[in-house]
């Protein structure tokens, strides 16, 4: 990957991290003074990458409950409260950087076992 594209992706990731840090939005603020339970993901996991794009939320990779690194790719539609399983990543990974840019999702770095 050329240096310019690497720099742009790093810049986008750092800026999105700063925005999320200084402009938190609590779910309780968006729906009143209470929390709502929504449909859970199809595969429970941690250490995954999460990004919002095109009014959807993408949950990718991570560690499954058995401790294995997975390549799972799921998309949540908040309008209909539904999860859809998408084409998995080529490489299972966890604890990676993730961003969305111009209609594409980029997963950078990884921890796999």
PDB file of N, CA and C in Angstrom:
ATOM      1  N   UNK A   1       0.858  -1.165   0.000  1.00  0.00           N
ATOM      2  CA  UNK A   1       0.000   0.000   0.000  1.00  0.00           C
ATOM      3  C   UNK A   1       0.908   1.233   0.000  1.00  0.00           C
ATOM      4  N   UNK A   2       0.585   2.235  -0.809  1.00  0.00           N
ATOM      5  CA  UNK A   2       1.466   3.393  -0.877  1.00  0.00           C
ATOM      6  C   UNK A   2       1.350   4.233   0.383  1.00  0.00           C
ATOM      7  N   UNK A   3       2.354   5.070   0.613  1.00  0.00           N
ATOM      8  CA  UNK A   3       2.444   5.854   1.842  1.00  0.00           C
ATOM      9  C   UNK A   3       1.315   6.863   1.967  1.00  0.00           C
ATOM     10  N   UNK A   4       0.877   7.446   0.863  1.00  0.00           N
ATOM     11  CA  UNK A   4      -0.192   8.450   0.910  1.00  0.00           C
ATOM     12  C   UNK A   4      -1.495   7.833   1.406  1.00  0.00           C
ATOM     13  N   UNK A   5      -1.878   6.676   0.862  1.00  0.00           N
ATOM     14  CA  UNK A   5      -3.102   6.020   1.290  1.00  0.00           C
ATOM     15  C   UNK A   5      -3.005   5.602   2.754  1.00  0.00           C
ATOM     16  N   UNK A   6      -1.847   5.099   3.168  1.00  0.00           N
ATOM     17  CA  UNK A   6      -1.644   4.725   4.568  1.00  0.00           C
ATOM     18  C   UNK A   6      -1.819   5.926   5.473  1.00  0.00           C
ATOM     19  N   UNK A   7      -1.269   7.060   5.094  1.00  0.00           N
ATOM     20  CA  UNK A   7      -1.387   8.278   5.893  1.00  0.00           C
ATOM     21  C   UNK A   7      -2.843   8.729   5.977  1.00  0.00           C
ATOM     22  N   UNK A   8      -3.561   8.693   4.861  1.00  0.00           N
ATOM     23  CA  UNK A   8      -4.961   9.116   4.836  1.00  0.00           C
ATOM     24  C   UNK A   8      -5.804   8.236   5.757  1.00  0.00           C
ATOM     25  N   UNK A   9      -5.621   6.918   5.669  1.00  0.00           N
ATOM     26  CA  UNK A   9      -6.380   6.005   6.521  1.00  0.00           C
ATOM     27  C   UNK A   9      -6.062   6.215   7.992  1.00  0.00           C
ATOM     28  N   UNK A  10      -4.795   6.424   8.320  1.00  0.00           N
ATOM     29  CA  UNK A  10      -4.406   6.689   9.705  1.00  0.00           C
ATOM     30  C   UNK A  10      -5.016   8.004  10.182  1.00  0.00           C
ATOM     31  N   UNK A  11      -5.001   9.033   9.342  1.00  0.00           N
ATOM     32  CA  UNK A  11      -5.580  10.331   9.684  1.00  0.00           C
ATOM     33  C   UNK A  11      -7.078  10.197   9.965  1.00  0.00           C
ATOM     34  N   UNK A  12      -7.781   9.461   9.117  1.00  0.00           N
ATOM     35  CA  UNK A  12      -9.224   9.260   9.299  1.00  0.00           C
ATOM     36  C   UNK A  12      -9.485   8.518  10.610  1.00  0.00           C
ATOM     37  N   UNK A  13      -8.711   7.469  10.886  1.00  0.00           N
ATOM     38  CA  UNK A  13      -8.902   6.693  12.113  1.00  0.00           C
ATOM     39  C   UNK A  13      -8.664   7.554  13.347  1.00  0.00           C
ATOM     40  N   UNK A  14      -7.600   8.335  13.351  1.00  0.00           N
ATOM     41  CA  UNK A  14      -7.296   9.185  14.506  1.00  0.00           C
ATOM     42  C   UNK A  14      -8.378  10.235  14.696  1.00  0.00           C
ATOM     43  N   UNK A  15      -8.810  10.874  13.614  1.00  0.00           N
ATOM     44  CA  UNK A  15      -9.859  11.889  13.724  1.00  0.00           C
ATOM     45  C   UNK A  15     -11.175  11.298  14.211  1.00  0.00           C
ATOM     46  N   UNK A  16     -11.545  10.121  13.720  1.00  0.00           N
ATOM     47  CA  UNK A  16     -12.803   9.528  14.171  1.00  0.00           C
ATOM     48  C   UNK A  16     -12.715   9.128  15.633  1.00  0.00           C
ATOM     49  N   UNK A  17     -11.539   8.717  16.117  1.00  0.00           N
ATOM     50  CA  UNK A  17     -11.360   8.375  17.527  1.00  0.00           C
ATOM     51  C   UNK A  17     -11.515   9.607  18.399  1.00  0.00           C
ATOM     52  N   UNK A  18     -10.951  10.740  17.958  1.00  0.00           N
ATOM     53  CA  UNK A  18     -11.045  11.978  18.728  1.00  0.00           C
ATOM     54  C   UNK A  18     -12.486  12.464  18.777  1.00  0.00           C
ATOM     55  N   UNK A  19     -13.188  12.401  17.676  1.00  0.00           N
ATOM     56  CA  UNK A  19     -14.584  12.832  17.637  1.00  0.00           C
ATOM     57  C   UNK A  19     -15.419  11.982  18.588  1.00  0.00           C
ATOM     58  N   UNK A  20     -15.210  10.667  18.572  1.00  0.00           N
ATOM     59  CA  UNK A  20     -15.974   9.793  19.455  1.00  0.00           C
ATOM     60  C   UNK A  20     -15.649  10.074  20.915  1.00  0.00           C
ATOM     61  N   UNK A  21     -14.403  10.457  21.212  1.00  0.00           N
ATOM     62  CA  UNK A  21     -13.992  10.733  22.581  1.00  0.00           C
ATOM     63  C   UNK A  21     -14.622  12.009  23.098  1.00  0.00           C
ATOM     64  N   UNK A  22     -14.708  13.046  22.285  1.00  0.00           N
ATOM     65  CA  UNK A  22     -15.174  14.341  22.756  1.00  0.00           C
ATOM     66  C   UNK A  22     -16.655  14.609  22.513  1.00  0.00           C
ATOM     67  N   UNK A  23     -17.321  13.776  21.748  1.00  0.00           N
ATOM     68  CA  UNK A  23     -18.749  13.959  21.479  1.00  0.00           C
ATOM     69  C   UNK A  23     -19.517  12.675  21.755  1.00  0.00           C
ATOM     70  N   UNK A  24     -19.522  12.207  23.002  1.00  0.00           N
ATOM     71  CA  UNK A  24     -20.232  10.958  23.270  1.00  0.00           C
ATOM     72  C   UNK A  24     -21.745  11.146  23.162  1.00  0.00           C
ATOM     73  N   UNK A  25     -22.413  10.121  22.686  1.00  0.00           N
ATOM     74  CA  UNK A  25     -23.865  10.120  22.613  1.00  0.00           C
ATOM     75  C   UNK A  25     -24.347   8.886  23.359  1.00  0.00           C
ATOM     76  N   UNK A  26     -25.141   9.087  24.364  1.00  0.00           N
ATOM     77  CA  UNK A  26     -25.666   7.977  25.136  1.00  0.00           C
ATOM     78  C   UNK A  26     -26.992   7.524  24.558  1.00  0.00           C
ATOM     79  N   UNK A  27     -27.211   6.228  24.560  1.00  0.00           N
ATOM     80  CA  UNK A  27     -28.472   5.706  24.036  1.00  0.00           C
ATOM     81  C   UNK A  27     -29.655   6.266  24.807  1.00  0.00           C
ATOM     82  N   UNK A  28     -29.460   6.525  26.094  1.00  0.00           N
ATOM     83  CA  UNK A  28     -30.561   7.068  26.894  1.00  0.00           C
ATOM     84  C   UNK A  28     -30.952   8.465  26.420  1.00  0.00           C
ATOM     85  N   UNK A  29     -30.017   9.219  25.817  1.00  0.00           N
ATOM     86  CA  UNK A  29     -30.329  10.561  25.316  1.00  0.00           C
ATOM     87  C   UNK A  29     -31.155  10.508  24.034  1.00  0.00           C
ATOM     88  N   UNK A  30     -31.003   9.435  23.273  1.00  0.00           N
ATOM     89  CA  UNK A  30     -31.690   9.361  21.988  1.00  0.00           C
ATOM     90  C   UNK A  30     -33.094   8.793  22.105  1.00  0.00           C
ATOM     91  N   UNK A  31     -33.426   8.156  23.217  1.00  0.00           N
ATOM     92  CA  UNK A  31     -34.744   7.532  23.331  1.00  0.00           C
ATOM     93  C   UNK A  31     -35.463   7.891  24.631  1.00  0.00           C
ATOM     94  N   UNK A  32     -35.066   8.943  25.290  1.00  0.00           N
ATOM     95  CA  UNK A  32     -35.702   9.323  26.543  1.00  0.00           C
ATOM     96  C   UNK A  32     -34.829   8.941  27.722  1.00  0.00           C
ATOM     97  N   UNK A  33     -35.441   8.782  28.875  1.00  0.00           N
ATOM     98  CA  UNK A  33     -34.697   8.475  30.099  1.00  0.00           C
ATOM     99  C   UNK A  33     -34.689   6.987  30.420  1.00  0.00           C
ATOM    100  N   UNK A  34     -34.548   6.154  29.431  1.00  0.00           N
ATOM    101  CA  UNK A  34     -34.528   4.718  29.654  1.00  0.00           C
ATOM    102  C   UNK A  34     -33.719   4.047  28.551  1.00  0.00           C
ATOM    103  N   UNK A  35     -33.316   2.816  28.793  1.00  0.00           N
ATOM    104  CA  UNK A  35     -32.584   2.016  27.809  1.00  0.00           C
ATOM    105  C   UNK A  35     -33.537   1.041  27.156  1.00  0.00           C
ATOM    106  N   UNK A  36     -33.312   0.763  25.895  1.00  0.00           N
ATOM    107  CA  UNK A  36     -34.110  -0.214  25.164  1.00  0.00           C
ATOM    108  C   UNK A  36     -33.267  -1.433  24.847  1.00  0.00           C
ATOM    109  N   UNK A  37     -33.828  -2.610  24.988  1.00  0.00           N
ATOM    110  CA  UNK A  37     -33.143  -3.830  24.596  1.00  0.00           C
ATOM    111  C   UNK A  37     -33.441  -4.092  23.127  1.00  0.00           C
ATOM    112  N   UNK A  38     -32.399  -4.344  22.361  1.00  0.00           N
ATOM    113  CA  UNK A  38     -32.537  -4.605  20.926  1.00  0.00           C
ATOM    114  C   UNK A  38     -32.133  -6.044  20.632  1.00  0.00           C
ATOM    115  N   UNK A  39     -32.343  -6.472  19.407  1.00  0.00           N
ATOM    116  CA  UNK A  39     -31.989  -7.820  18.991  1.00  0.00           C
ATOM    117  C   UNK A  39     -30.478  -8.023  19.114  1.00  0.00           C
ATOM    118  N   UNK A  40     -30.035  -9.112  19.771  1.00  0.00           N
ATOM    119  CA  UNK A  40     -28.590  -9.350  19.920  1.00  0.00           C
ATOM    120  C   UNK A  40     -27.956  -9.827  18.607  1.00  0.00           C
ATOM    121  N   UNK A  41     -26.622  -9.666  18.527  1.00  0.00           N
ATOM    122  CA  UNK A  41     -25.887 -10.192  17.375  1.00  0.00           C
ATOM    123  C   UNK A  41     -26.102 -11.697  17.287  1.00  0.00           C
ATOM    124  N   UNK A  42     -25.887 -12.248  16.104  1.00  0.00           N
ATOM    125  CA  UNK A  42     -26.055 -13.685  15.914  1.00  0.00           C
ATOM    126  C   UNK A  42     -24.926 -14.468  16.578  1.00  0.00           C
ATOM    127  N   UNK A  43     -23.701 -13.886  16.616  1.00  0.00           N
ATOM    128  CA  UNK A  43     -22.566 -14.547  17.258  1.00  0.00           C
ATOM    129  C   UNK A  43     -21.985 -13.612  18.312  1.00  0.00           C
ATOM    130  N   UNK A  44     -22.090 -14.028  19.573  1.00  0.00           N
ATOM    131  CA  UNK A  44     -21.517 -13.235  20.665  1.00  0.00           C
ATOM    132  C   UNK A  44     -19.996 -13.266  20.559  1.00  0.00           C
ATOM    133  N   UNK A  45     -19.353 -12.107  20.751  1.00  0.00           N
ATOM    134  CA  UNK A  45     -17.900 -12.034  20.687  1.00  0.00           C
ATOM    135  C   UNK A  45     -17.394 -10.738  21.295  1.00  0.00           C
ATOM    136  N   UNK A  46     -16.081 -10.682  21.534  1.00  0.00           N
ATOM    137  CA  UNK A  46     -15.439  -9.472  22.043  1.00  0.00           C
ATOM    138  C   UNK A  46     -14.162  -9.234  21.246  1.00  0.00           C
ATOM    139  N   UNK A  47     -13.585  -8.032  21.375  1.00  0.00           N
ATOM    140  CA  UNK A  47     -12.383  -7.690  20.618  1.00  0.00           C
ATOM    141  C   UNK A  47     -12.667  -7.480  19.144  1.00  0.00           C
ATOM    142  N   UNK A  48     -13.932  -7.211  18.813  1.00  0.00           N
ATOM    143  CA  UNK A  48     -14.330  -7.058  17.418  1.00  0.00           C
ATOM    144  C   UNK A  48     -14.186  -5.607  16.964  1.00  0.00           C
ATOM    145  N   UNK A  49     -14.297  -5.390  15.669  1.00  0.00           N
ATOM    146  CA  UNK A  49     -14.322  -4.049  15.110  1.00  0.00           C
ATOM    147  C   UNK A  49     -15.764  -3.657  14.831  1.00  0.00           C
ATOM    148  N   UNK A  50     -16.111  -2.420  15.175  1.00  0.00           N
ATOM    149  CA  UNK A  50     -17.468  -1.930  14.952  1.00  0.00           C
ATOM    150  C   UNK A  50     -17.377  -0.584  14.250  1.00  0.00           C
ATOM    151  N   UNK A  51     -18.183  -0.408  13.194  1.00  0.00           N
ATOM    152  CA  UNK A  51     -18.190   0.850  12.448  1.00  0.00           C
ATOM    153  C   UNK A  51     -19.598   1.110  11.917  1.00  0.00           C
ATOM    154  N   UNK A  52     -19.954   2.377  11.836  1.00  0.00           N
ATOM    155  CA  UNK A  52     -21.244   2.763  11.253  1.00  0.00           C
ATOM    156  C   UNK A  52     -21.012   3.267   9.835  1.00  0.00           C
ATOM    157  N   UNK A  53     -21.831   2.801   8.905  1.00  0.00           N
ATOM    158  CA  UNK A  53     -21.741   3.226   7.504  1.00  0.00           C
ATOM    159  C   UNK A  53     -23.104   3.052   6.853  1.00  0.00           C
ATOM    160  N   UNK A  54     -23.515   4.018   6.066  1.00  0.00           N
ATOM    161  CA  UNK A  54     -24.784   3.940   5.329  1.00  0.00           C
ATOM    162  C   UNK A  54     -25.977   3.638   6.242  1.00  0.00           C
ATOM    163  N   UNK A  55     -26.023   4.275   7.403  1.00  0.00           N
ATOM    164  CA  UNK A  55     -27.117   4.111   8.378  1.00  0.00           C
ATOM    165  C   UNK A  55     -27.226   2.695   8.932  1.00  0.00           C
ATOM    166  N   UNK A  56     -26.165   1.933   8.846  1.00  0.00           N
ATOM    167  CA  UNK A  56     -26.114   0.578   9.400  1.00  0.00           C
ATOM    168  C   UNK A  56     -24.897   0.477  10.323  1.00  0.00           C
ATOM    169  N   UNK A  57     -24.869  -0.536  11.181  1.00  0.00           N
ATOM    170  CA  UNK A  57     -23.747  -0.783  12.073  1.00  0.00           C
ATOM    171  C   UNK A  57     -23.150  -2.133  11.700  1.00  0.00           C
ATOM    172  N   UNK A  58     -21.854  -2.161  11.483  1.00  0.00           N
ATOM    173  CA  UNK A  58     -21.154  -3.378  11.103  1.00  0.00           C
ATOM    174  C   UNK A  58     -20.329  -3.875  12.285  1.00  0.00           C
ATOM    175  N   UNK A  59     -20.448  -5.169  12.606  1.00  0.00           N
ATOM    176  CA  UNK A  59     -19.683  -5.825  13.665  1.00  0.00           C
ATOM    177  C   UNK A  59     -18.864  -6.924  12.997  1.00  0.00           C
ATOM    178  N   UNK A  60     -17.531  -6.778  13.049  1.00  0.00           N
ATOM    179  CA  UNK A  60     -16.670  -7.641  12.247  1.00  0.00           C
ATOM    180  C   UNK A  60     -15.581  -8.263  13.128  1.00  0.00           C
ATOM    181  N   UNK A  61     -15.336  -9.568  12.915  1.00  0.00           N
ATOM    182  CA  UNK A  61     -14.250 -10.271  13.583  1.00  0.00           C
ATOM    183  C   UNK A  61     -14.428 -10.381  15.088  1.00  0.00           C
ATOM    184  N   UNK A  62     -13.290 -10.563  15.793  1.00  0.00           N
ATOM    185  CA  UNK A  62     -13.288 -10.650  17.244  1.00  0.00           C
ATOM    186  C   UNK A  62     -13.018 -12.057  17.738  1.00  0.00           C
ATOM    187  N   UNK A  63     -13.147 -12.218  19.056  1.00  0.00           N
ATOM    188  CA  UNK A  63     -12.991 -13.513  19.704  1.00  0.00           C
ATOM    189  C   UNK A  63     -14.373 -14.084  20.011  1.00  0.00           C
ATOM    190  N   UNK A  64     -14.614 -15.310  19.584  1.00  0.00           N
ATOM    191  CA  UNK A  64     -15.865 -15.988  19.917  1.00  0.00           C
ATOM    192  C   UNK A  64     -15.824 -16.395  21.389  1.00  0.00           C
ATOM    193  N   UNK A  65     -16.942 -16.865  21.913  1.00  0.00           N
ATOM    194  CA  UNK A  65     -17.004 -17.245  23.328  1.00  0.00           C
ATOM    195  C   UNK A  65     -16.075 -18.412  23.666  1.00  0.00           C
ATOM    196  N   UNK A  66     -15.681 -19.209  22.670  1.00  0.00           N
ATOM    197  CA  UNK A  66     -14.741 -20.303  22.916  1.00  0.00           C
ATOM    198  C   UNK A  66     -13.287 -19.842  22.857  1.00  0.00           C
ATOM    199  N   UNK A  67     -13.050 -18.535  22.604  1.00  0.00           N
ATOM    200  CA  UNK A  67     -11.695 -17.977  22.579  1.00  0.00           C
ATOM    201  C   UNK A  67     -11.043 -17.961  21.207  1.00  0.00           C
ATOM    202  N   UNK A  68     -11.682 -18.548  20.205  1.00  0.00           N
ATOM    203  CA  UNK A  68     -11.113 -18.556  18.853  1.00  0.00           C
ATOM    204  C   UNK A  68     -11.355 -17.218  18.156  1.00  0.00           C
ATOM    205  N   UNK A  69     -10.359 -16.792  17.365  1.00  0.00           N
ATOM    206  CA  UNK A  69     -10.504 -15.587  16.556  1.00  0.00           C
ATOM    207  C   UNK A  69     -11.380 -15.940  15.352  1.00  0.00           C
ATOM    208  N   UNK A  70     -12.358 -15.070  15.037  1.00  0.00           N
ATOM    209  CA  UNK A  70     -13.304 -15.365  13.961  1.00  0.00           C
ATOM    210  C   UNK A  70     -13.248 -14.311  12.866  1.00  0.00           C
ATOM    211  N   UNK A  71     -13.786 -14.659  11.714  1.00  0.00           N
ATOM    212  CA  UNK A  71     -13.856 -13.723  10.580  1.00  0.00           C
ATOM    213  C   UNK A  71     -15.295 -13.291  10.306  1.00  0.00           C
ATOM    214  N   UNK A  72     -16.151 -13.419  11.294  1.00  0.00           N
ATOM    215  CA  UNK A  72     -17.578 -13.110  11.172  1.00  0.00           C
ATOM    216  C   UNK A  72     -17.814 -11.657  10.785  1.00  0.00           C
ATOM    217  N   UNK A  73     -18.793 -11.426   9.928  1.00  0.00           N
ATOM    218  CA  UNK A  73     -19.157 -10.083   9.466  1.00  0.00           C
ATOM    219  C   UNK A  73     -20.682  -9.968   9.548  1.00  0.00           C
ATOM    220  N   UNK A  74     -21.169  -9.107  10.460  1.00  0.00           N
ATOM    221  CA  UNK A  74     -22.608  -8.932  10.626  1.00  0.00           C
ATOM    222  C   UNK A  74     -22.974  -7.458  10.473  1.00  0.00           C
ATOM    223  N   UNK A  75     -24.177  -7.203   9.961  1.00  0.00           N
ATOM    224  CA  UNK A  75     -24.666  -5.831   9.769  1.00  0.00           C
ATOM    225  C   UNK A  75     -25.991  -5.664  10.511  1.00  0.00           C
ATOM    226  N   UNK A  76     -26.068  -4.601  11.312  1.00  0.00           N
ATOM    227  CA  UNK A  76     -27.288  -4.296  12.062  1.00  0.00           C
ATOM    228  C   UNK A  76     -28.003  -3.121  11.411  1.00  0.00           C
ATOM    229  N   UNK A  77     -29.306  -3.278  11.232  1.00  0.00           N
ATOM    230  CA  UNK A  77     -30.139  -2.210  10.696  1.00  0.00           C
ATOM    231  C   UNK A  77     -31.003  -1.684  11.839  1.00  0.00           C
ATOM    232  N   UNK A  78     -30.660  -0.503  12.390  1.00  0.00           N
ATOM    233  CA  UNK A  78     -31.422   0.016  13.525  1.00  0.00           C
ATOM    234  C   UNK A  78     -32.872   0.356  13.184  1.00  0.00           C
ATOM    235  N   UNK A  79     -33.147   0.640  11.934  1.00  0.00           N
ATOM    236  CA  UNK A  79     -34.520   0.969  11.532  1.00  0.00           C
ATOM    237  C   UNK A  79     -35.452  -0.231  11.716  1.00  0.00           C
ATOM    238  N   UNK A  80     -34.966  -1.429  11.398  1.00  0.00           N
ATOM    239  CA  UNK A  80     -35.780  -2.632  11.492  1.00  0.00           C
ATOM    240  C   UNK A  80     -35.366  -3.551  12.643  1.00  0.00           C
ATOM    241  N   UNK A  81     -34.309  -3.163  13.410  1.00  0.00           N
ATOM    242  CA  UNK A  81     -33.805  -3.959  14.538  1.00  0.00           C
ATOM    243  C   UNK A  81     -33.484  -5.388  14.104  1.00  0.00           C
ATOM    244  N   UNK A  82     -32.703  -5.515  13.010  1.00  0.00           N
ATOM    245  CA  UNK A  82     -32.353  -6.835  12.491  1.00  0.00           C
ATOM    246  C   UNK A  82     -30.851  -6.938  12.220  1.00  0.00           C
ATOM    247  N   UNK A  83     -30.321  -8.147  12.396  1.00  0.00           N
ATOM    248  CA  UNK A  83     -28.934  -8.469  12.062  1.00  0.00           C
ATOM    249  C   UNK A  83     -28.928  -9.365  10.835  1.00  0.00           C
ATOM    250  N   UNK A  84     -27.963  -9.133   9.932  1.00  0.00           N
ATOM    251  CA  UNK A  84     -27.773  -9.961   8.744  1.00  0.00           C
ATOM    252  C   UNK A  84     -26.315 -10.402   8.728  1.00  0.00           C
ATOM    253  N   UNK A  85     -26.083 -11.685   8.478  1.00  0.00           N
ATOM    254  CA  UNK A  85     -24.718 -12.193   8.343  1.00  0.00           C
ATOM    255  C   UNK A  85     -24.258 -11.958   6.911  1.00  0.00           C
ATOM    256  N   UNK A  86     -23.092 -11.332   6.768  1.00  0.00           N
ATOM    257  CA  UNK A  86     -22.532 -11.015   5.453  1.00  0.00           C
ATOM    258  C   UNK A  86     -21.333 -11.908   5.155  1.00  0.00           C
ATOM    259  N   UNK A  87     -20.759 -11.726   3.979  1.00  0.00           N
ATOM    260  CA  UNK A  87     -19.560 -12.462   3.580  1.00  0.00           C
ATOM    261  C   UNK A  87     -18.470 -12.248   4.639  1.00  0.00           C
ATOM    262  N   UNK A  88     -17.838 -13.319   5.146  1.00  0.00           N
ATOM    263  CA  UNK A  88     -16.819 -13.159   6.183  1.00  0.00           C
ATOM    264  C   UNK A  88     -15.520 -12.543   5.639  1.00  0.00           C
ATOM    265  N   UNK A  89     -14.720 -12.009   6.544  1.00  0.00           N
ATOM    266  CA  UNK A  89     -13.391 -11.510   6.161  1.00  0.00           C
ATOM    267  C   UNK A  89     -12.549 -12.694   5.681  1.00  0.00           C
ATOM    268  N   UNK A  90     -11.550 -12.409   4.873  1.00  0.00           N
ATOM    269  CA  UNK A  90     -10.657 -13.476   4.407  1.00  0.00           C
ATOM    270  C   UNK A  90      -9.783 -14.002   5.537  1.00  0.00           C
ATOM    271  N   UNK A  91      -9.410 -13.123   6.468  1.00  0.00           N
ATOM    272  CA  UNK A  91      -8.534 -13.490   7.572  1.00  0.00           C
ATOM    273  C   UNK A  91      -9.234 -13.234   8.900  1.00  0.00           C
ATOM    274  N   UNK A  92      -9.373 -14.257   9.755  1.00  0.00           N
ATOM    275  CA  UNK A  92      -9.933 -13.999  11.082  1.00  0.00           C
ATOM    276  C   UNK A  92      -9.023 -13.022  11.838  1.00  0.00           C
ATOM    277  N   UNK A  93      -9.621 -12.074  12.553  1.00  0.00           N
ATOM    278  CA  UNK A  93      -8.816 -11.104  13.288  1.00  0.00           C
ATOM    279  C   UNK A  93      -9.605 -10.507  14.436  1.00  0.00           C
ATOM    280  N   UNK A  94      -8.857  -9.947  15.389  1.00  0.00           N
ATOM    281  CA  UNK A  94      -9.447  -9.273  16.546  1.00  0.00           C
ATOM    282  C   UNK A  94      -8.546  -8.102  16.907  1.00  0.00           C
ATOM    283  N   UNK A  95      -9.069  -7.191  17.708  1.00  0.00           N
ATOM    284  CA  UNK A  95      -8.319  -6.020  18.182  1.00  0.00           C
ATOM    285  C   UNK A  95      -7.650  -5.267  17.040  1.00  0.00           C
ATOM    286  N   UNK A  96      -8.400  -4.917  16.037  1.00  0.00           N
ATOM    287  CA  UNK A  96      -7.862  -4.225  14.872  1.00  0.00           C
ATOM    288  C   UNK A  96      -8.529  -2.865  14.723  1.00  0.00           C
ATOM    289  N   UNK A  97      -7.912  -1.996  13.947  1.00  0.00           N
ATOM    290  CA  UNK A  97      -8.508  -0.694  13.634  1.00  0.00           C
ATOM    291  C   UNK A  97      -9.505  -0.881  12.491  1.00  0.00           C
ATOM    292  N   UNK A  98     -10.588  -0.128  12.540  1.00  0.00           N
ATOM    293  CA  UNK A  98     -11.616  -0.239  11.512  1.00  0.00           C
ATOM    294  C   UNK A  98     -12.156   1.154  11.206  1.00  0.00           C
ATOM    295  N   UNK A  99     -12.416   1.419   9.938  1.00  0.00           N
ATOM    296  CA  UNK A  99     -13.013   2.689   9.532  1.00  0.00           C
ATOM    297  C   UNK A  99     -13.812   2.489   8.252  1.00  0.00           C
ATOM    298  N   UNK A 100     -14.715   3.403   7.992  1.00  0.00           N
ATOM    299  CA  UNK A 100     -15.491   3.395   6.755  1.00  0.00           C
ATOM    300  C   UNK A 100     -15.164   4.665   5.986  1.00  0.00           C
ATOM    301  N   UNK A 101     -14.916   4.519   4.678  1.00  0.00           N
ATOM    302  CA  UNK A 101     -14.561   5.663   3.838  1.00  0.00           C
ATOM    303  C   UNK A 101     -15.076   5.420   2.423  1.00  0.00           C
ATOM    304  N   UNK A 102     -15.872   6.332   1.912  1.00  0.00           N
ATOM    305  CA  UNK A 102     -16.401   6.278   0.551  1.00  0.00           C
ATOM    306  C   UNK A 102     -17.061   4.939   0.230  1.00  0.00           C
ATOM    307  N   UNK A 103     -17.903   4.482   1.141  1.00  0.00           N
ATOM    308  CA  UNK A 103     -18.674   3.270   0.908  1.00  0.00           C
ATOM    309  C   UNK A 103     -17.933   1.968   1.121  1.00  0.00           C
ATOM    310  N   UNK A 104     -16.707   2.017   1.634  1.00  0.00           N
ATOM    311  CA  UNK A 104     -15.940   0.801   1.891  1.00  0.00           C
ATOM    312  C   UNK A 104     -15.536   0.761   3.352  1.00  0.00           C
ATOM    313  N   UNK A 105     -15.389  -0.452   3.883  1.00  0.00           N
ATOM    314  CA  UNK A 105     -14.935  -0.646   5.256  1.00  0.00           C
ATOM    315  C   UNK A 105     -13.517  -1.192   5.208  1.00  0.00           C
ATOM    316  N   UNK A 106     -12.623  -0.566   5.986  1.00  0.00           N
ATOM    317  CA  UNK A 106     -11.226  -0.971   6.040  1.00  0.00           C
ATOM    318  C   UNK A 106     -10.909  -1.512   7.433  1.00  0.00           C
ATOM    319  N   UNK A 107     -10.314  -2.709   7.473  1.00  0.00           N
ATOM    320  CA  UNK A 107      -9.862  -3.326   8.720  1.00  0.00           C
ATOM    321  C   UNK A 107      -8.340  -3.388   8.659  1.00  0.00           C
ATOM    322  N   UNK A 108      -7.678  -2.739   9.637  1.00  0.00           N
ATOM    323  CA  UNK A 108      -6.216  -2.631   9.592  1.00  0.00           C
ATOM    324  C   UNK A 108      -5.589  -3.237  10.837  1.00  0.00           C
ATOM    325  N   UNK A 109      -4.523  -4.005  10.641  1.00  0.00           N
ATOM    326  CA  UNK A 109      -3.853  -4.652  11.744  1.00  0.00           C
ATOM    327  C   UNK A 109      -4.629  -5.878  12.162  1.00  0.00           C
ATOM    328  N   UNK A 110      -4.075  -6.601  13.128  1.00  0.00           N
ATOM    329  CA  UNK A 110      -4.825  -7.772  13.597  1.00  0.00           C
ATOM    330  C   UNK A 110      -4.106  -8.481  14.719  1.00  0.00           C
ATOM    331  N   UNK A 111      -4.864  -9.298  15.373  1.00  0.00           N
ATOM    332  CA  UNK A 111      -4.352 -10.276  16.322  1.00  0.00           C
ATOM    333  C   UNK A 111      -5.051 -11.562  15.946  1.00  0.00           C
ATOM    334  N   UNK A 112      -4.302 -12.536  15.536  1.00  0.00           N
ATOM    335  CA  UNK A 112      -4.944 -13.835  15.269  1.00  0.00           C
ATOM    336  C   UNK A 112      -4.097 -14.941  15.869  1.00  0.00           C
ATOM    337  N   UNK A 113      -4.755 -16.017  16.191  1.00  0.00           N
ATOM    338  CA  UNK A 113      -4.085 -17.147  16.848  1.00  0.00           C
ATOM    339  C   UNK A 113      -4.255 -18.374  15.988  1.00  0.00           C
TER     340      UNK A 113
END
